[in-house]
Each structure stands twice: as structure tokens, then as C-alpha cells.
Amino acid sequence: MPSHISSSSIVKTVICQTLFLIVHSLLDILSESYIVSGEQVNITIFIQITGGHVTKPQLDRNNYSYAKAVYRLYQLVDTAQLKVVKNQLKLDIYSPAS
């Protein structure tokens, strides 16, 4: 081992990489649970918007699952039309623009 690399820095790196993999695995599991559960919703976009990561295989499963995608409605619809669209879709949702 090179003299400028301490064993504690290697341990810290391994711990960080392990935690990174655990968090990614948990987000995959969470994503999968929403796909197969009662409402069958695809929360992949929501996970990505909030800074999370879903692995490529899970992303593919989600995209081809025919589950309903979850997304921020106020980012898809003009602010002026938001209330109308929410009423048309019979949604009772929170949005910062409403």
C-alpha cells in the first residue's frame, strides 16, 4: 500500500461505497414495491427528481411495467390551467402552484 494512503481512508472508502450500494438497492426495492403493489405506480421519475438513483435493470422493469407514472403535475401543466386539469382528472393533490 502506498505510504500516502492510510488504512482508515480505505475503510472509509469501502464503507461509503457499501452505503451507496445499499441506498441504491433500497431505492430499487422501494420502486419495485410501488410497481407491484395495489395502485401500481411508477415512482422512478419522482426518485430521480429528488436526487435518488434507480439502477438500469430496475428502470427498465419500471418503464415496461405499464404502471402509472408519478410526476409533478404543476411541472406538466401551465399554472393557469392547473386547477382545471386537477378537477378534470379528479385529483386531490398538493402542489405549490395551486
N, C-alpha and C. Protein backbone atom coordinates (compact mmCIF):
# COMPACT_ATOMS: atom_id res chain seq x y z
N MET A 1 0.85 -1.16 0.00
CA MET A 1 0.00 0.00 0.00
C MET A 1 0.91 1.24 0.00
N PRO A 2 0.61 2.23 -0.86
CA PRO A 2 1.41 3.46 -0.87
C PRO A 2 1.36 4.15 0.48
N SER A 3 2.42 4.85 0.81
CA SER A 3 2.52 5.46 2.13
C SER A 3 1.52 6.58 2.36
N HIS A 4 1.05 7.23 1.30
CA HIS A 4 0.10 8.34 1.47
C HIS A 4 -1.35 7.88 1.65
N ILE A 5 -1.61 6.59 1.55
CA ILE A 5 -2.96 6.06 1.74
C ILE A 5 -3.00 5.31 3.06
N SER A 6 -3.83 5.78 3.98
CA SER A 6 -3.92 5.12 5.28
C SER A 6 -4.99 4.04 5.24
N SER A 7 -4.88 3.11 6.15
CA SER A 7 -5.88 2.05 6.22
C SER A 7 -7.24 2.61 6.61
N SER A 8 -7.25 3.69 7.41
CA SER A 8 -8.55 4.27 7.79
C SER A 8 -9.24 4.91 6.59
N SER A 9 -8.48 5.50 5.67
CA SER A 9 -9.11 6.08 4.49
C SER A 9 -9.66 4.99 3.58
N ILE A 10 -9.01 3.85 3.54
CA ILE A 10 -9.51 2.72 2.75
C ILE A 10 -10.81 2.20 3.36
N VAL A 11 -10.83 2.09 4.69
CA VAL A 11 -12.04 1.63 5.39
C VAL A 11 -13.18 2.61 5.14
N LYS A 12 -12.91 3.90 5.23
CA LYS A 12 -13.94 4.91 4.97
C LYS A 12 -14.47 4.80 3.55
N THR A 13 -13.58 4.59 2.60
CA THR A 13 -13.99 4.45 1.20
C THR A 13 -14.88 3.23 1.02
N VAL A 14 -14.49 2.11 1.61
CA VAL A 14 -15.28 0.88 1.50
C VAL A 14 -16.65 1.07 2.14
N ILE A 15 -16.69 1.72 3.29
CA ILE A 15 -17.97 1.97 3.96
C ILE A 15 -18.86 2.86 3.10
N CYS A 16 -18.29 3.92 2.54
CA CYS A 16 -19.07 4.82 1.68
C CYS A 16 -19.62 4.09 0.45
N GLN A 17 -18.78 3.27 -0.17
CA GLN A 17 -19.23 2.52 -1.34
C GLN A 17 -20.32 1.52 -0.97
N THR A 18 -20.18 0.89 0.18
CA THR A 18 -21.19 -0.06 0.64
C THR A 18 -22.51 0.64 0.92
N LEU A 19 -22.45 1.77 1.62
CA LEU A 19 -23.68 2.54 1.89
C LEU A 19 -24.32 3.00 0.59
N PHE A 20 -23.52 3.43 -0.37
CA PHE A 20 -24.02 3.85 -1.68
C PHE A 20 -24.80 2.71 -2.33
N LEU A 21 -24.25 1.50 -2.30
CA LEU A 21 -24.92 0.34 -2.90
C LEU A 21 -26.19 -0.02 -2.13
N ILE A 22 -26.16 0.09 -0.82
CA ILE A 22 -27.35 -0.22 -0.01
C ILE A 22 -28.47 0.76 -0.32
N VAL A 23 -28.14 2.05 -0.38
CA VAL A 23 -29.17 3.06 -0.68
C VAL A 23 -29.75 2.82 -2.07
N HIS A 24 -28.90 2.52 -3.04
CA HIS A 24 -29.40 2.24 -4.39
C HIS A 24 -30.29 1.00 -4.39
N SER A 25 -29.88 -0.02 -3.66
CA SER A 25 -30.69 -1.23 -3.57
C SER A 25 -32.03 -0.94 -2.90
N LEU A 26 -32.02 -0.11 -1.86
CA LEU A 26 -33.27 0.24 -1.18
C LEU A 26 -34.20 1.02 -2.10
N LEU A 27 -33.65 1.92 -2.91
CA LEU A 27 -34.49 2.67 -3.84
C LEU A 27 -35.05 1.76 -4.93
N ASP A 28 -34.27 0.77 -5.36
CA ASP A 28 -34.79 -0.23 -6.30
C ASP A 28 -35.93 -1.02 -5.67
N ILE A 29 -35.74 -1.44 -4.43
CA ILE A 29 -36.78 -2.21 -3.72
C ILE A 29 -38.02 -1.35 -3.53
N LEU A 30 -37.84 -0.10 -3.12
CA LEU A 30 -38.97 0.81 -2.95
C LEU A 30 -39.70 1.00 -4.27
N SER A 31 -38.95 1.23 -5.31
CA SER A 31 -39.54 1.42 -6.64
C SER A 31 -40.33 0.18 -7.08
N GLU A 32 -39.74 -0.98 -6.88
CA GLU A 32 -40.39 -2.25 -7.25
C GLU A 32 -41.67 -2.45 -6.44
N SER A 33 -41.64 -2.10 -5.16
CA SER A 33 -42.82 -2.30 -4.32
C SER A 33 -44.00 -1.47 -4.80
N TYR A 34 -43.74 -0.26 -5.27
CA TYR A 34 -44.83 0.57 -5.79
C TYR A 34 -45.36 0.03 -7.12
N ILE A 35 -44.49 -0.59 -7.91
CA ILE A 35 -44.91 -1.16 -9.19
C ILE A 35 -45.85 -2.34 -8.98
N VAL A 36 -45.55 -3.20 -8.02
CA VAL A 36 -46.32 -4.43 -7.85
C VAL A 36 -47.44 -4.33 -6.82
N SER A 37 -47.47 -3.24 -6.05
CA SER A 37 -48.49 -3.12 -5.01
C SER A 37 -49.82 -2.65 -5.58
N GLY A 38 -50.78 -2.48 -4.74
CA GLY A 38 -52.16 -2.17 -5.11
C GLY A 38 -52.37 -1.14 -6.20
N GLU A 39 -51.80 0.05 -6.06
CA GLU A 39 -52.06 1.11 -7.03
C GLU A 39 -51.21 1.00 -8.29
N GLN A 40 -50.16 0.24 -8.25
CA GLN A 40 -49.25 0.04 -9.37
C GLN A 40 -48.82 1.37 -10.00
N VAL A 41 -48.00 2.09 -9.26
CA VAL A 41 -47.47 3.36 -9.75
C VAL A 41 -45.96 3.27 -9.92
N ASN A 42 -45.48 3.99 -10.92
CA ASN A 42 -44.06 4.03 -11.23
C ASN A 42 -43.51 5.33 -10.65
N ILE A 43 -42.72 5.23 -9.58
CA ILE A 43 -42.20 6.41 -8.90
C ILE A 43 -40.77 6.73 -9.33
N THR A 44 -40.31 6.14 -10.43
CA THR A 44 -38.94 6.35 -10.90
C THR A 44 -38.63 7.83 -11.10
N ILE A 45 -39.51 8.54 -11.79
CA ILE A 45 -39.28 9.96 -12.06
C ILE A 45 -39.18 10.72 -10.75
N PHE A 46 -40.07 10.42 -9.81
CA PHE A 46 -40.05 11.10 -8.51
C PHE A 46 -38.73 10.84 -7.79
N ILE A 47 -38.26 9.60 -7.81
CA ILE A 47 -36.99 9.27 -7.18
C ILE A 47 -35.86 10.06 -7.81
N GLN A 48 -35.86 10.15 -9.14
CA GLN A 48 -34.81 10.88 -9.84
C GLN A 48 -34.88 12.38 -9.57
N ILE A 49 -36.08 12.94 -9.53
CA ILE A 49 -36.25 14.37 -9.26
C ILE A 49 -35.70 14.73 -7.89
N THR A 50 -35.88 13.84 -6.93
CA THR A 50 -35.43 14.11 -5.57
C THR A 50 -33.97 13.74 -5.34
N GLY A 51 -33.26 13.37 -6.40
CA GLY A 51 -31.83 13.11 -6.30
C GLY A 51 -31.48 11.66 -6.09
N GLY A 52 -32.46 10.78 -6.10
CA GLY A 52 -32.18 9.36 -5.94
C GLY A 52 -31.78 8.71 -7.25
N HIS A 53 -31.38 7.47 -7.16
CA HIS A 53 -30.93 6.73 -8.34
C HIS A 53 -31.58 5.35 -8.33
N VAL A 54 -32.09 4.98 -9.49
CA VAL A 54 -32.62 3.64 -9.70
C VAL A 54 -31.70 2.97 -10.72
N THR A 55 -31.32 1.72 -10.47
CA THR A 55 -30.40 1.04 -11.38
C THR A 55 -31.06 0.84 -12.74
N LYS A 56 -30.25 0.65 -13.76
CA LYS A 56 -30.74 0.47 -15.13
C LYS A 56 -31.70 -0.72 -15.24
N PRO A 57 -31.37 -1.89 -14.67
CA PRO A 57 -32.32 -3.00 -14.77
C PRO A 57 -33.68 -2.67 -14.13
N GLN A 58 -33.67 -1.99 -12.97
CA GLN A 58 -34.92 -1.61 -12.32
C GLN A 58 -35.66 -0.57 -13.14
N LEU A 59 -34.92 0.37 -13.70
CA LEU A 59 -35.51 1.39 -14.56
C LEU A 59 -36.23 0.74 -15.74
N ASP A 60 -35.59 -0.25 -16.35
CA ASP A 60 -36.21 -0.96 -17.48
C ASP A 60 -37.47 -1.70 -17.04
N ARG A 61 -37.40 -2.39 -15.89
CA ARG A 61 -38.59 -3.09 -15.39
C ARG A 61 -39.73 -2.10 -15.14
N ASN A 62 -39.39 -0.96 -14.55
CA ASN A 62 -40.42 0.04 -14.25
C ASN A 62 -41.04 0.60 -15.53
N ASN A 63 -40.19 0.90 -16.51
CA ASN A 63 -40.69 1.50 -17.74
C ASN A 63 -41.59 0.57 -18.54
N TYR A 64 -41.37 -0.72 -18.43
CA TYR A 64 -42.18 -1.68 -19.19
C TYR A 64 -43.22 -2.39 -18.32
N SER A 65 -43.52 -1.81 -17.16
CA SER A 65 -44.45 -2.44 -16.23
C SER A 65 -45.90 -2.04 -16.46
N TYR A 66 -46.12 -1.03 -17.27
CA TYR A 66 -47.46 -0.47 -17.52
C TYR A 66 -48.07 0.16 -16.27
N ALA A 67 -47.24 0.44 -15.27
CA ALA A 67 -47.72 1.14 -14.08
C ALA A 67 -47.88 2.62 -14.41
N LYS A 68 -48.72 3.29 -13.63
CA LYS A 68 -48.95 4.72 -13.82
C LYS A 68 -47.73 5.50 -13.33
N ALA A 69 -47.23 6.40 -14.17
CA ALA A 69 -46.08 7.22 -13.79
C ALA A 69 -46.51 8.33 -12.84
N VAL A 70 -45.68 8.61 -11.85
CA VAL A 70 -45.93 9.69 -10.90
C VAL A 70 -45.00 10.84 -11.28
N TYR A 71 -45.59 12.03 -11.42
CA TYR A 71 -44.82 13.22 -11.77
C TYR A 71 -45.49 14.44 -11.20
N ARG A 72 -44.77 15.52 -11.09
CA ARG A 72 -45.33 16.75 -10.56
C ARG A 72 -46.23 17.39 -11.61
N LEU A 73 -47.52 17.40 -11.35
CA LEU A 73 -48.48 17.93 -12.31
C LEU A 73 -48.20 19.39 -12.63
N TYR A 74 -47.82 20.18 -11.64
CA TYR A 74 -47.59 21.60 -11.87
C TYR A 74 -46.40 21.86 -12.80
N GLN A 75 -45.57 20.83 -13.04
CA GLN A 75 -44.47 20.98 -13.99
C GLN A 75 -44.89 20.55 -15.40
N LEU A 76 -46.04 19.93 -15.51
CA LEU A 76 -46.53 19.49 -16.81
C LEU A 76 -47.58 20.43 -17.39
N VAL A 77 -48.24 21.18 -16.52
CA VAL A 77 -49.39 21.99 -16.92
C VAL A 77 -49.12 23.45 -16.55
N ASP A 78 -49.56 24.37 -17.42
CA ASP A 78 -49.45 25.80 -17.10
C ASP A 78 -50.17 26.09 -15.79
N THR A 79 -49.64 27.03 -15.04
CA THR A 79 -50.23 27.41 -13.76
C THR A 79 -51.69 27.81 -13.92
N ALA A 80 -52.00 28.52 -15.00
CA ALA A 80 -53.37 28.97 -15.24
C ALA A 80 -54.33 27.80 -15.44
N GLN A 81 -53.84 26.69 -15.94
CA GLN A 81 -54.69 25.53 -16.24
C GLN A 81 -54.67 24.47 -15.14
N LEU A 82 -53.83 24.65 -14.14
CA LEU A 82 -53.62 23.61 -13.14
C LEU A 82 -54.91 23.20 -12.43
N LYS A 83 -55.68 24.17 -11.94
CA LYS A 83 -56.92 23.82 -11.23
C LYS A 83 -57.90 23.09 -12.13
N VAL A 84 -58.01 23.55 -13.36
CA VAL A 84 -58.93 22.91 -14.31
C VAL A 84 -58.53 21.46 -14.56
N VAL A 85 -57.24 21.24 -14.79
CA VAL A 85 -56.75 19.88 -15.07
C VAL A 85 -56.92 18.99 -13.83
N LYS A 86 -56.61 19.52 -12.65
CA LYS A 86 -56.80 18.75 -11.42
C LYS A 86 -58.25 18.33 -11.27
N ASN A 87 -59.18 19.24 -11.57
CA ASN A 87 -60.61 18.91 -11.47
C ASN A 87 -61.01 17.88 -12.53
N GLN A 88 -60.51 18.05 -13.74
CA GLN A 88 -60.84 17.11 -14.81
C GLN A 88 -60.34 15.70 -14.48
N LEU A 89 -59.17 15.62 -13.87
CA LEU A 89 -58.59 14.32 -13.52
C LEU A 89 -59.09 13.81 -12.17
N LYS A 90 -59.91 14.64 -11.50
CA LYS A 90 -60.44 14.31 -10.18
C LYS A 90 -59.33 14.00 -9.19
N LEU A 91 -58.35 14.92 -9.18
CA LEU A 91 -57.20 14.76 -8.30
C LEU A 91 -57.36 15.66 -7.08
N ASP A 92 -57.02 15.09 -5.95
CA ASP A 92 -56.97 15.87 -4.72
C ASP A 92 -55.51 15.83 -4.27
N ILE A 93 -54.72 16.70 -4.89
CA ILE A 93 -53.27 16.66 -4.65
C ILE A 93 -52.77 18.02 -4.22
N TYR A 94 -51.64 18.00 -3.58
CA TYR A 94 -50.96 19.22 -3.18
C TYR A 94 -50.03 19.64 -4.32
N SER A 95 -50.00 20.91 -4.61
CA SER A 95 -48.97 21.44 -5.49
C SER A 95 -48.67 22.86 -5.05
N PRO A 96 -47.42 23.25 -5.05
CA PRO A 96 -47.07 24.58 -4.58
C PRO A 96 -47.63 25.68 -5.45
N ALA A 97 -48.03 25.36 -6.68
CA ALA A 97 -48.55 26.38 -7.59
C ALA A 97 -50.05 26.55 -7.48
N SER A 98 -50.73 25.75 -6.65
CA SER A 98 -52.20 25.88 -6.59
C SER A 98 -52.65 26.77 -5.48
